[in-house]
N, C-alpha and C. Protein backbone atom coordinates (compact mmCIF):
# COMPACT_ATOMS: atom_id res chain seq x y z
N GLN A 1 0.88 -0.97 -0.24
CA GLN A 1 0.15 -0.09 -0.20
C GLN A 1 0.76 1.27 -0.17
N LEU A 2 0.93 1.99 -1.03
CA LEU A 2 1.59 3.18 -1.42
C LEU A 2 0.92 4.21 -0.44
N MET A 3 1.68 5.42 0.82
CA MET A 3 1.69 6.52 1.46
C MET A 3 1.82 6.97 0.40
N GLN A 4 0.33 8.17 0.35
CA GLN A 4 0.50 9.71 -0.36
C GLN A 4 1.68 10.63 0.52
N GLN A 5 2.40 11.15 -0.41
CA GLN A 5 3.34 12.27 0.26
C GLN A 5 2.45 13.50 0.80
N MET A 6 2.53 14.17 1.47
CA MET A 6 1.56 15.42 2.03
C MET A 6 2.60 16.29 1.36
N PRO A 7 2.23 17.48 0.46
CA PRO A 7 2.87 18.58 -0.16
C PRO A 7 3.72 19.39 1.01
N LYS A 8 4.64 19.79 0.91
CA LYS A 8 5.45 20.71 1.88
C LYS A 8 4.92 21.82 1.98
N THR A 9 3.99 22.39 1.19
CA THR A 9 3.89 23.54 1.90
C THR A 9 2.23 23.64 2.74
N CYS A 10 1.54 22.07 2.47
CA CYS A 10 0.76 22.04 3.89
C CYS A 10 1.12 22.63 4.94
N GLY A 11 0.26 22.70 5.83
CA GLY A 11 0.20 22.76 7.05
C GLY A 11 -0.43 21.41 7.67
N GLU A 12 -1.70 21.03 7.54
CA GLU A 12 -2.14 19.68 7.56
C GLU A 12 -2.84 19.30 6.58
N CYS A 13 -3.12 18.21 6.59
CA CYS A 13 -3.69 17.46 5.00
C CYS A 13 -4.79 16.62 5.43
N GLU A 14 -5.36 15.76 4.65
CA GLU A 14 -6.79 15.01 4.66
C GLU A 14 -6.70 14.20 3.29
N ASN A 15 -6.52 12.74 3.19
CA ASN A 15 -6.91 12.04 2.11
C ASN A 15 -5.34 12.01 1.63
N GLY A 16 -4.29 11.91 2.31
CA GLY A 16 -3.06 11.74 1.65
C GLY A 16 -2.36 13.15 1.17
N ASN A 17 -2.65 13.82 -0.07
CA ASN A 17 -2.45 15.25 -0.32
C ASN A 17 -3.30 16.30 -0.36
N GLU A 18 -4.43 16.37 0.46
CA GLU A 18 -5.47 17.12 -0.08
C GLU A 18 -5.06 18.19 1.44
N CYS A 19 -4.29 19.64 0.97
CA CYS A 19 -4.42 20.80 1.91
C CYS A 19 -5.71 20.99 2.65
N ILE A 20 -5.53 21.01 3.89
CA ILE A 20 -6.77 21.77 4.31
C ILE A 20 -6.42 23.05 5.45
N ASN A 21 -5.11 23.26 5.66
CA ASN A 21 -4.63 24.55 5.77
C ASN A 21 -3.14 24.69 5.34
N CYS A 22 -2.62 25.61 5.48
CA CYS A 22 -1.01 26.08 4.65
C CYS A 22 0.06 26.27 5.39
N LYS A 23 1.49 26.12 5.41
CA LYS A 23 1.80 27.06 6.24
C LYS A 23 2.28 28.51 5.62
N SER A 24 2.78 29.33 6.47
CA SER A 24 2.56 30.68 6.52
C SER A 24 3.45 31.20 5.27
N ASP A 25 2.91 32.26 4.71
CA ASP A 25 3.27 32.81 3.61
C ASP A 25 2.63 32.04 2.31
N TYR A 26 1.66 31.28 2.50
CA TYR A 26 0.61 30.38 1.38
C TYR A 26 -0.58 30.75 1.72
N GLY A 27 -1.26 30.70 0.86
CA GLY A 27 -2.69 30.68 0.31
C GLY A 27 -3.73 29.16 -0.10
N LEU A 28 -4.61 28.89 0.90
CA LEU A 28 -4.94 27.42 0.29
C LEU A 28 -6.08 27.84 -0.59
N TYR A 29 -5.72 27.21 -2.17
CA TYR A 29 -6.82 27.38 -3.12
C TYR A 29 -7.51 26.21 -3.47
N GLN A 30 -8.42 25.56 -3.51
CA GLN A 30 -8.96 24.03 -4.26
C GLN A 30 -8.12 23.01 -3.99
N LYS A 31 -7.79 23.03 -2.02
CA LYS A 31 -6.95 21.62 -1.32
C LYS A 31 -5.68 21.56 -1.88
N SER A 32 -5.21 23.15 -2.43
CA SER A 32 -3.53 23.14 -2.38
C SER A 32 -3.03 24.51 -1.93
N CYS A 33 -2.03 24.60 -1.72
CA CYS A 33 -1.32 25.92 -1.31
C CYS A 33 -0.46 26.39 -1.85
N LEU A 34 -0.66 27.99 -2.54
CA LEU A 34 -0.42 28.69 -3.22
C LEU A 34 0.73 29.52 -2.93
N LYS A 35 1.96 29.84 -3.65
CA LYS A 35 2.70 31.10 -3.02
C LYS A 35 1.92 32.27 -2.88
N GLU A 36 1.43 32.36 -4.63
CA GLU A 36 0.43 33.48 -5.06
C GLU A 36 -0.83 32.86 -5.21
N CYS A 37 -1.73 34.02 -4.52
CA CYS A 37 -3.05 32.91 -5.06
C CYS A 37 -3.89 34.09 -6.51
N PRO A 38 -4.77 33.10 -7.42
CA PRO A 38 -4.93 33.18 -8.65
C PRO A 38 -5.32 34.82 -9.09
N LYS A 39 -5.08 35.14 -10.08
CA LYS A 39 -5.85 36.72 -10.23
C LYS A 39 -7.22 36.62 -9.85
N GLY A 40 -7.44 37.61 -9.40
CA GLY A 40 -9.38 38.08 -8.80
C GLY A 40 -8.97 37.45 -7.37
N TYR A 41 -7.73 36.40 -6.63
CA TYR A 41 -8.15 36.67 -5.50
C TYR A 41 -7.15 36.74 -4.53
N GLU A 42 -7.30 36.76 -3.24
CA GLU A 42 -6.52 37.80 -2.38
C GLU A 42 -6.03 36.91 -1.12
N ASN A 43 -5.31 36.28 -0.82
CA ASN A 43 -4.66 35.83 0.69
C ASN A 43 -4.97 36.11 1.84
N GLU A 44 -6.05 36.28 2.13
CA GLU A 44 -6.89 36.63 3.59
C GLU A 44 -6.74 35.03 4.70
N ASN A 45 -5.41 35.15 5.53
CA ASN A 45 -5.51 34.77 6.74
C ASN A 45 -5.09 33.17 6.47
N GLY A 46 -4.13 33.10 5.03
CA GLY A 46 -4.00 31.64 4.75
C GLY A 46 -4.62 31.21 3.66
N ILE A 47 -5.85 31.73 3.20
CA ILE A 47 -7.09 31.36 2.24
C ILE A 47 -6.95 32.16 1.02
N CYS A 48 -6.94 31.57 0.10
CA CYS A 48 -7.63 32.28 -0.91
C CYS A 48 -8.85 32.73 -1.68
N VAL A 49 -9.19 33.98 -0.95
CA VAL A 49 -10.76 34.19 -1.25
C VAL A 49 -10.84 34.90 -2.54
N ASP A 50 -12.31 34.79 -3.41
CA ASP A 50 -12.33 36.07 -4.23
C ASP A 50 -12.80 37.30 -4.06
N CYS A 51 -12.48 37.85 -4.75
CA CYS A 51 -12.14 39.39 -4.22
C CYS A 51 -13.59 39.77 -4.46
N GLU A 52 -14.70 39.84 -5.21
CA GLU A 52 -15.64 40.19 -5.35
C GLU A 52 -16.50 39.74 -4.18
N ASP A 53 -16.50 38.39 -3.97
CA ASP A 53 -17.39 37.70 -3.36
C ASP A 53 -17.05 38.64 -1.49
N TYR A 54 -15.49 38.75 -1.40
CA TYR A 54 -15.26 38.74 0.31
C TYR A 54 -15.08 40.52 0.08
N LYS A 55 -15.21 41.22 -0.81
CA LYS A 55 -14.93 42.55 -0.79
C LYS A 55 -13.69 43.10 -0.09
N CYS A 56 -12.39 42.30 -0.46
CA CYS A 56 -11.11 43.02 0.09
C CYS A 56 -10.86 44.16 -0.18
N LYS A 57 -10.02 45.02 0.46
CA LYS A 57 -9.79 46.31 0.62
C LYS A 57 -8.66 46.46 -0.70
N ARG A 58 -7.96 45.74 -1.08
CA ARG A 58 -6.91 46.26 -1.93
C ARG A 58 -7.89 45.95 -3.32
N CYS A 59 -8.69 45.11 -3.66
CA CYS A 59 -9.31 44.94 -5.15
C CYS A 59 -10.79 45.92 -5.12
N SER A 60 -11.07 46.39 -4.13
CA SER A 60 -12.60 47.18 -4.03
C SER A 60 -12.45 48.56 -3.35
N THR A 61 -12.65 49.41 -4.16
CA THR A 61 -12.36 50.74 -3.45
C THR A 61 -13.49 51.05 -2.79
N GLU A 62 -14.79 50.27 -3.07
CA GLU A 62 -16.12 50.76 -2.45
C GLU A 62 -15.92 50.65 -0.92
N SER A 63 -15.29 49.54 -0.54
CA SER A 63 -15.07 49.02 0.66
C SER A 63 -14.11 50.48 1.50
N ASN A 64 -13.78 51.26 0.85
CA ASN A 64 -12.56 52.22 1.40
C ASN A 64 -13.84 53.87 1.94
N THR A 65 -14.81 54.07 1.00
CA THR A 65 -15.63 54.83 1.06
C THR A 65 -16.71 54.99 1.82
N LYS A 66 -17.07 55.44 2.84
CA LYS A 66 -18.17 55.37 3.63
C LYS A 66 -19.55 56.45 3.01
N GLN A 67 -20.87 55.57 2.98
CA GLN A 67 -21.62 56.41 2.98
C GLN A 67 -21.93 57.20 3.38
N PRO A 68 -22.64 58.53 3.34
CA PRO A 68 -23.35 59.50 4.40
C PRO A 68 -24.50 59.67 5.12
């Protein structure tokens, strides 16, 4: 029985090689840990989140302005 090796960028994993969290400086995206999140995503606390859904400050100027 072959044991799958956990990717070195994973903090913890399940099913052998699916990351559930990442080492520092990496973002979790589709069960993998990436040094840089894909375009349109931002690393928020170690997870790559969609900018439009999350309304990240760096991607959306709307979140920086307050309505009267």
